[in-house]
Protein backbone atom coordinates (compact mmCIF):
# COMPACT_ATOMS: atom_id res chain seq x y z
CA MET A 1 -17.02 -14.51 -10.96
CA LYS A 2 -14.76 -12.90 -13.54
CA LEU A 3 -11.39 -14.98 -14.59
CA SER A 4 -8.71 -12.53 -15.36
CA GLN A 5 -5.15 -13.05 -16.12
CA GLY A 6 -5.20 -16.52 -14.05
CA TYR A 7 -6.98 -14.86 -10.94
CA PHE A 8 -10.54 -15.43 -9.99
CA GLN A 9 -12.15 -12.03 -8.79
CA MET A 10 -15.02 -12.61 -6.44
CA GLN A 11 -17.87 -10.40 -7.19
CA SER A 12 -20.84 -9.88 -5.11
CA PRO A 13 -23.64 -7.12 -5.07
CA ASP A 14 -23.65 -7.99 -1.01
CA ILE A 15 -20.35 -6.82 -0.34
CA ASP A 16 -19.89 -3.50 1.82
CA ILE A 17 -16.68 -1.86 0.65
CA LYS A 18 -16.65 0.58 3.30
CA ALA A 19 -16.98 -2.07 6.00
CA LEU A 20 -13.95 -4.02 4.46
CA ARG A 21 -11.77 -0.82 5.19
CA HIS A 22 -9.71 -0.60 8.35
CA SER A 23 -7.23 1.20 10.33
CA HIS A 24 -3.44 1.14 9.79
CA VAL A 25 -2.74 2.74 13.23
CA PHE A 26 -1.47 -0.23 15.02
CA ASN A 27 0.40 1.66 17.56
CA GLU A 28 -1.89 2.32 20.83
CA GLY A 29 0.61 4.64 22.37
CA ASN A 30 1.33 5.04 26.06
CA PRO A 31 0.33 8.51 27.71
CA LEU A 32 1.50 7.88 31.21
CA ALA A 33 4.72 6.35 30.06
CA GLU A 34 5.54 9.13 27.89
CA ARG A 35 4.80 11.73 30.77
CA ASN A 36 7.14 9.83 33.31
CA ILE A 37 9.70 9.54 30.28
CA ARG A 38 9.84 13.27 30.10
CA TRP A 39 10.49 13.62 33.85
CA ALA A 40 13.19 11.11 33.59
CA VAL A 41 14.56 13.03 30.72
CA LEU A 42 14.60 16.35 32.82
CA LEU A 43 16.62 14.77 35.52
CA THR A 44 18.80 12.98 33.34
CA ALA A 45 19.99 15.95 31.39
CA VAL A 46 20.47 18.12 34.59
CA MET A 47 22.33 15.09 36.22
CA MET A 48 24.42 14.61 32.85
CA VAL A 49 25.56 18.21 32.61
CA ALA A 50 26.75 18.18 36.40
CA GLU A 51 28.89 14.99 36.24
CA ILE A 52 30.21 15.83 32.76
CA GLY A 53 31.19 19.29 34.36
CA GLY A 54 32.43 17.75 37.43
CA GLY A 55 34.57 15.23 36.02
CA TRP A 56 36.06 17.96 34.01
CA ILE A 57 36.80 20.07 36.86
CA TYR A 58 37.88 17.59 39.29
CA ASN A 59 39.80 15.43 36.87
CA SER A 60 37.74 12.43 37.33
CA MET A 61 37.81 10.03 34.07
CA ALA A 62 34.95 7.63 35.65
CA LEU A 63 32.72 10.52 36.58
CA LEU A 64 33.32 12.03 32.74
CA ALA A 65 32.53 8.46 31.73
CA ASP A 66 29.40 8.23 33.61
CA GLY A 67 28.27 11.53 32.45
CA TRP A 68 28.82 10.71 28.80
CA HIS A 69 26.89 7.37 29.67
CA MET A 70 24.11 9.44 30.86
CA SER A 71 24.18 11.71 27.98
CA SER A 72 23.52 8.35 25.91
CA HIS A 73 20.55 7.59 28.33
CA ALA A 74 19.29 11.01 27.94
CA LEU A 75 19.21 10.82 24.28
CA ALA A 76 17.63 7.55 24.37
CA LEU A 77 14.81 8.79 26.67
CA GLY A 78 14.59 12.05 24.54
CA LEU A 79 14.01 9.76 21.39
CA SER A 80 11.24 7.48 22.96
CA VAL A 81 9.37 10.85 24.19
CA PHE A 82 9.78 12.00 20.26
CA ALA A 83 8.56 8.40 19.16
CA TYR A 84 5.44 8.86 21.29
CA ALA A 85 4.73 12.18 20.32
CA ALA A 86 5.37 11.91 16.29
CA ALA A 87 3.48 8.54 16.37
CA ARG A 88 0.51 10.21 17.97
CA ARG A 89 0.55 13.26 15.53
CA LEU A 90 1.21 11.49 12.32
CA ALA A 91 -0.88 8.37 13.37
CA GLN A 92 -3.53 9.30 10.56
CA ASP A 93 -0.96 10.39 7.79
CA ALA A 94 -1.69 8.25 4.86
CA ARG A 95 1.91 8.07 3.76
CA PHE A 96 2.84 5.52 6.61
CA SER A 97 1.40 2.25 5.09
CA PHE A 98 1.58 0.43 8.37
CA GLY A 99 1.79 3.14 10.86
CA THR A 100 4.53 5.27 12.78
CA TRP A 101 5.99 3.03 14.97
CA LYS A 102 9.12 2.68 12.80
CA ILE A 103 9.92 6.38 13.63
CA GLU A 104 10.82 5.05 17.35
CA VAL A 105 12.98 2.19 15.76
CA LEU A 106 14.99 4.49 13.50
CA GLY A 107 15.36 6.99 16.55
CA GLY A 108 16.96 4.12 18.34
CA TYR A 109 19.17 3.08 15.37
CA THR A 110 20.63 6.73 15.11
CA SER A 111 21.14 6.80 18.83
CA ALA A 112 22.84 3.62 18.50
CA ILE A 113 25.24 5.24 16.02
CA PHE A 114 25.82 8.41 18.26
CA LEU A 115 26.50 5.93 21.11
CA LEU A 116 29.41 4.23 19.18
CA GLY A 117 31.22 7.69 18.98
CA VAL A 118 30.63 8.47 22.47
CA ALA A 119 32.00 5.27 23.58
CA GLY A 120 35.17 6.05 21.27
CA LEU A 121 35.60 9.38 22.99
CA MET A 122 35.31 7.72 26.48
CA MET A 123 37.77 4.95 25.53
CA TYR A 124 40.63 7.59 24.12
CA GLN A 125 40.27 10.08 27.10
CA SER A 126 40.52 6.97 29.58
CA VAL A 127 43.62 5.49 27.97
CA GLU A 128 45.20 8.88 27.76
CA ARG A 129 44.44 9.29 31.43
CA LEU A 130 45.93 5.91 32.17
CA LEU A 131 49.10 6.71 30.39
CA SER A 132 49.50 10.30 31.91
CA PRO A 133 47.83 10.42 35.07
CA THR A 134 46.84 13.67 37.03
CA PRO A 135 45.45 14.78 40.28
CA ILE A 136 41.81 13.64 41.03
CA HIS A 137 39.53 15.94 43.59
CA TYR A 138 37.90 12.74 45.07
CA ASP A 139 35.63 14.36 47.60
CA GLN A 140 33.49 16.30 45.15
CA ALA A 141 33.77 13.65 42.42
CA ILE A 142 32.21 10.96 44.79
CA ALA A 143 29.48 13.33 45.93
CA ILE A 144 28.55 14.29 42.38
CA ALA A 145 28.48 10.33 41.51
CA GLY A 146 26.37 9.45 44.46
CA ILE A 147 23.93 12.20 43.29
CA GLY A 148 24.25 10.76 39.85
CA LEU A 149 23.19 7.16 41.16
CA LEU A 150 20.35 8.63 42.98
CA VAL A 151 18.97 10.06 39.88
CA ASN A 152 19.26 6.93 37.97
CA LEU A 153 17.43 4.86 40.81
CA VAL A 154 14.84 7.78 40.67
CA CYS A 155 14.43 7.29 36.97
CA ALA A 156 14.12 3.47 37.15
CA TRP A 157 11.55 3.62 39.77
CA LEU A 158 9.54 6.09 37.39
CA LEU A 159 9.82 3.96 34.40
CA LYS A 160 9.54 0.46 36.24
CA GLY A 161 6.10 1.43 37.60
CA ASN A 162 4.61 1.83 34.22
CA HIS A 163 6.56 -1.22 32.65
CA ALA A 164 4.96 -3.45 35.36
CA HIS A 165 1.75 -1.94 34.54
CA HIS A 166 1.59 -2.71 31.07
CA HIS A 167 2.29 -6.45 31.01
CA ASP A 168 -0.41 -8.21 29.22
CA HIS A 169 -2.29 -10.62 31.66
CA HIS A 170 -4.25 -12.00 29.03
CA ASP A 171 -1.74 -13.36 26.75
CA HIS A 172 -2.39 -17.14 25.70
CA HIS A 173 1.18 -17.45 24.80
CA ALA A 174 2.92 -17.46 28.08
CA ALA A 175 6.52 -17.92 26.85
CA ASP A 176 6.14 -15.13 24.40
CA GLY A 177 4.19 -12.75 26.69
CA HIS A 178 7.33 -10.09 26.30
CA HIS A 179 6.32 -9.60 22.85
CA HIS A 180 3.34 -7.86 24.05
CA HIS A 181 5.14 -5.28 26.27
CA ASP A 182 5.79 -1.60 25.39
CA LEU A 183 9.29 -2.27 23.88
CA ASN A 184 9.86 1.49 23.74
CA LEU A 185 9.40 1.77 27.53
CA ARG A 186 11.25 -1.27 28.30
CA SER A 187 14.30 -0.49 26.34
CA ALA A 188 14.48 2.68 28.16
CA TYR A 189 14.00 0.97 31.48
CA LEU A 190 16.98 -1.36 30.79
CA HIS A 191 18.92 1.71 29.79
CA VAL A 192 18.41 3.33 33.13
CA LEU A 193 19.58 0.21 34.65
CA THR A 194 22.67 0.14 32.74
CA ASP A 195 23.37 3.77 33.58
CA ALA A 196 22.96 2.86 37.03
CA ALA A 197 25.68 0.25 37.03
CA THR A 198 28.11 2.73 35.30
CA SER A 199 27.40 5.02 38.26
CA VAL A 200 28.30 2.26 40.56
CA LEU A 201 31.43 1.51 38.59
CA ALA A 202 32.52 5.51 38.91
CA ILE A 203 31.98 5.06 42.85
CA VAL A 204 33.75 2.10 43.17
CA ALA A 205 36.74 3.59 41.49
CA LEU A 206 36.89 6.84 43.06
CA ILE A 207 36.40 5.41 46.70
CA GLY A 208 39.20 2.78 45.73
CA GLY A 209 41.49 5.78 44.77
CA LYS A 210 40.78 7.72 47.80
CA LEU A 211 41.35 4.94 50.28
CA TRP A 212 44.10 3.16 48.89
CA GLY A 213 45.82 5.78 46.44
CA ALA A 214 44.85 3.48 43.21
CA ASP A 215 44.75 6.43 40.95
CA TRP A 216 44.29 3.81 38.05
CA LEU A 217 41.21 2.66 38.89
CA ASP A 218 39.55 5.79 37.75
CA PRO A 219 40.56 5.39 33.77
CA LEU A 220 40.05 1.78 34.07
CA MET A 221 36.57 2.55 35.36
CA GLY A 222 36.15 4.81 32.39
CA ILE A 223 37.61 2.03 29.83
CA ALA A 224 34.73 -0.24 31.34
CA GLY A 225 32.06 2.46 30.97
CA ALA A 226 33.14 2.55 27.28
CA VAL A 227 33.03 -1.18 26.75
CA LEU A 228 29.71 -1.05 28.47
CA VAL A 229 28.30 1.82 25.83
CA THR A 230 29.68 0.13 23.06
CA VAL A 231 27.89 -3.21 24.15
CA TRP A 232 24.66 -1.24 24.57
CA ALA A 233 25.00 0.40 21.23
CA TYR A 234 25.64 -2.78 19.41
CA GLY A 235 22.75 -4.56 20.90
CA LEU A 236 20.76 -1.67 19.83
CA LEU A 237 21.93 -1.31 16.14
CA ARG A 238 21.30 -5.18 16.14
CA ASP A 239 17.48 -5.02 17.32
CA THR A 240 16.80 -1.82 15.42
CA GLY A 241 18.29 -2.83 12.35
CA ARG A 242 16.59 -6.09 12.27
CA VAL A 243 12.90 -4.35 12.52
CA LEU A 244 14.18 -1.89 9.64
CA LEU A 245 15.42 -4.52 7.21
CA ASP A 246 11.96 -6.76 8.37
CA ALA A 247 14.19 -9.57 9.52
CA GLU A 248 11.32 -11.26 11.52
CA MET A 249 11.32 -14.66 9.46
CA ASP A 250 12.53 -16.17 12.96
CA ALA A 251 10.08 -14.61 15.04
CA PRO A 252 8.09 -17.17 17.13
CA VAL A 253 4.79 -16.02 15.40
CA VAL A 254 5.99 -17.49 11.89
CA ALA A 255 6.39 -20.87 13.37
CA GLU A 256 2.73 -20.24 15.04
CA ILE A 257 1.41 -19.32 11.69
CA ARG A 258 2.72 -22.68 9.90
CA ASP A 259 1.28 -24.64 12.91
CA VAL A 260 -2.08 -23.24 12.18
CA ILE A 261 -1.95 -23.91 8.59
CA ALA A 262 -0.66 -27.64 9.26
CA ALA A 263 -3.62 -28.23 11.71
CA SER A 264 -6.45 -26.59 9.32
CA PRO A 265 -9.18 -29.21 8.75
CA VAL A 266 -8.73 -27.89 5.07
CA LYS A 267 -5.68 -29.33 3.58
CA ALA A 268 -3.31 -26.31 2.60
CA ASP A 269 0.32 -25.88 1.72
CA ILE A 270 2.21 -22.92 2.19
CA THR A 271 3.90 -21.28 -1.01
CA ASP A 272 4.64 -18.00 0.34
CA LEU A 273 5.00 -16.47 3.53
CA HIS A 274 5.91 -12.70 4.70
CA VAL A 275 6.01 -11.57 8.06
CA TRP A 276 6.96 -8.31 9.45
CA ARG A 277 6.57 -6.08 12.69
CA VAL A 278 4.24 -3.01 12.43
CA ALA A 279 4.06 -2.14 16.34
CA LYS A 280 5.34 -3.32 19.52
CA GLY A 281 4.51 -6.84 19.74
CA LYS A 282 2.29 -6.55 16.58
CA TYR A 283 2.84 -8.29 13.24
CA ALA A 284 1.59 -8.00 9.86
CA CYS A 285 1.75 -11.18 7.37
CA ILE A 286 1.05 -12.16 3.65
CA LEU A 287 0.14 -15.63 3.39
CA SER A 288 -0.07 -17.51 -0.12
CA LEU A 289 -1.66 -21.05 0.11
CA VAL A 290 -2.41 -23.98 -2.26
CA THR A 291 -5.58 -25.76 -1.36
CA ASP A 292 -8.06 -28.13 -2.81
CA GLY A 293 -10.77 -27.32 -0.51
CA ASP A 294 -13.73 -25.18 -1.49
CA VAL A 295 -13.05 -22.32 1.03
CA ARG A 296 -12.55 -18.32 0.76
CA PRO A 297 -9.69 -16.83 2.45
CA ASP A 298 -11.49 -15.56 5.28
CA TYR A 299 -11.59 -19.10 6.41
CA PHE A 300 -7.81 -19.13 7.02
CA LYS A 301 -7.95 -15.40 8.33
CA GLU A 302 -10.31 -16.33 11.25
CA GLN A 303 -7.91 -19.58 12.11
CA LEU A 304 -5.06 -17.18 12.17
CA GLY A 305 -6.94 -14.59 14.34
CA ILE A 306 -6.35 -16.69 17.37
CA HIS A 307 -2.82 -15.37 17.48
CA GLU A 308 -3.67 -11.46 18.80
CA GLU A 309 -0.46 -10.35 17.60
CA LEU A 310 -1.25 -10.60 13.74
CA VAL A 311 -2.96 -7.56 13.34
CA HIS A 312 -2.95 -7.15 9.49
CA ILE A 313 -3.39 -10.64 7.72
CA THR A 314 -3.55 -11.01 3.87
CA VAL A 315 -4.60 -14.52 2.41
CA GLU A 316 -3.89 -15.73 -1.18
CA LEU A 317 -5.47 -18.83 -2.21
CA ASN A 318 -3.94 -20.96 -5.11
CA GLY A 319 -6.03 -24.18 -6.18
CA TYR A 320 -3.83 -26.84 -7.10
CA SER A 321 -5.13 -26.06 -10.70
CA THR A 322 -3.40 -22.54 -10.40
CA GLN A 323 -6.47 -20.64 -9.72
CA VAL A 324 -6.05 -17.86 -6.95
CA PHE A 325 -8.58 -16.36 -4.80
CA PRO A 326 -6.97 -12.67 -3.79
CA THR A 327 -8.28 -11.03 -0.75
CA HIS A 328 -7.79 -7.78 1.04
C-alpha cells in the first residue's frame, strides 16, 4: 500500500490488469430494425416526392404540408439508419470514450433544427394561401393523400413489429421498462404515427373542401400540420439536447443509486455523484462515498450491479479521515 497525495493506491501481485480491462461498446445495435427502417425510408422518400409534387401541381396546401412533414419523417428515419451504421462501423474506435450512441442523438438534434425551418415554410405558405385562395384539384389531391396515408400505415406496421419484439421481458423495474427499449426505433415509430395523423388532416381538409366548398379548410390544415411539426421538433430538441448536455440527474436511476447506498449494511454517505447516458437505456456513473467501513470499492459496485441499466460504474471511497481508495 502506497500513500500518495492523500490517496491510498492498492497494490497486489495477484491483480490481473488485462482482466480488469473492459469494452466501452454499450450499444448492442438492432440489425432487424435497421433493415426495416431502410424499407420505410425508401417508401417514405417516394411518397414524399409524390405528395410535394402533387400538392404543387394540384394546388393543395394540405397535401404540400403532408409532403413536407413526410420529408421530416424521411429525414428522421434516414438519420436512424445512419446512426445504426455509424455506431457499428465506429464501435471499436478509441476516440469515443463511451461508445458511438450519441451519433444518433446528434443526428436527431440536427433533424429537429431542420424541422423548425420546414415548419416555418409550411406556415408561411399556408397563411399566404389562406389570404389569397386559388383553385384546388380535389380528386387528384385526395388520391395522393390517400396513398400517402397507406404508405404511413405500412411503415408503422414495419416498425411496430420490431418495437414490440424488443421489449425487455426481464426488466425488474416494471415502471421503468421503457428505458430498455430501442429508443432510436421507438422515436421512428412514433414519428410514423405523427405523419399518419397529418395525412388524415390533409384528407379531411380536401374532402371537406370538395363536398362543402370550404376551400379555407385546406390551408387551415396546412397550418395545423406546421404546428404539429413544430411540436415534434421542439420535443426532439428537448430530448436530444438533454442527452447531449448530460442532463440526466433527474433520471430514475439516480434515485435507485441513492437508495442502494442508503440501504447498504456498511454506512456510507454520498459526497459526489455523476450519472449520464451512454446508450439506449444504459447509464454510466461516478460515485464518491465517505465510509468508516473496512471495504473496497467493489463492495458497492456489486450492490449497484442489481440495476442492469448501470453498465459503467466508478466508485471512489473516502474515509472519514479523508483517505480515498480510488478504483477503475
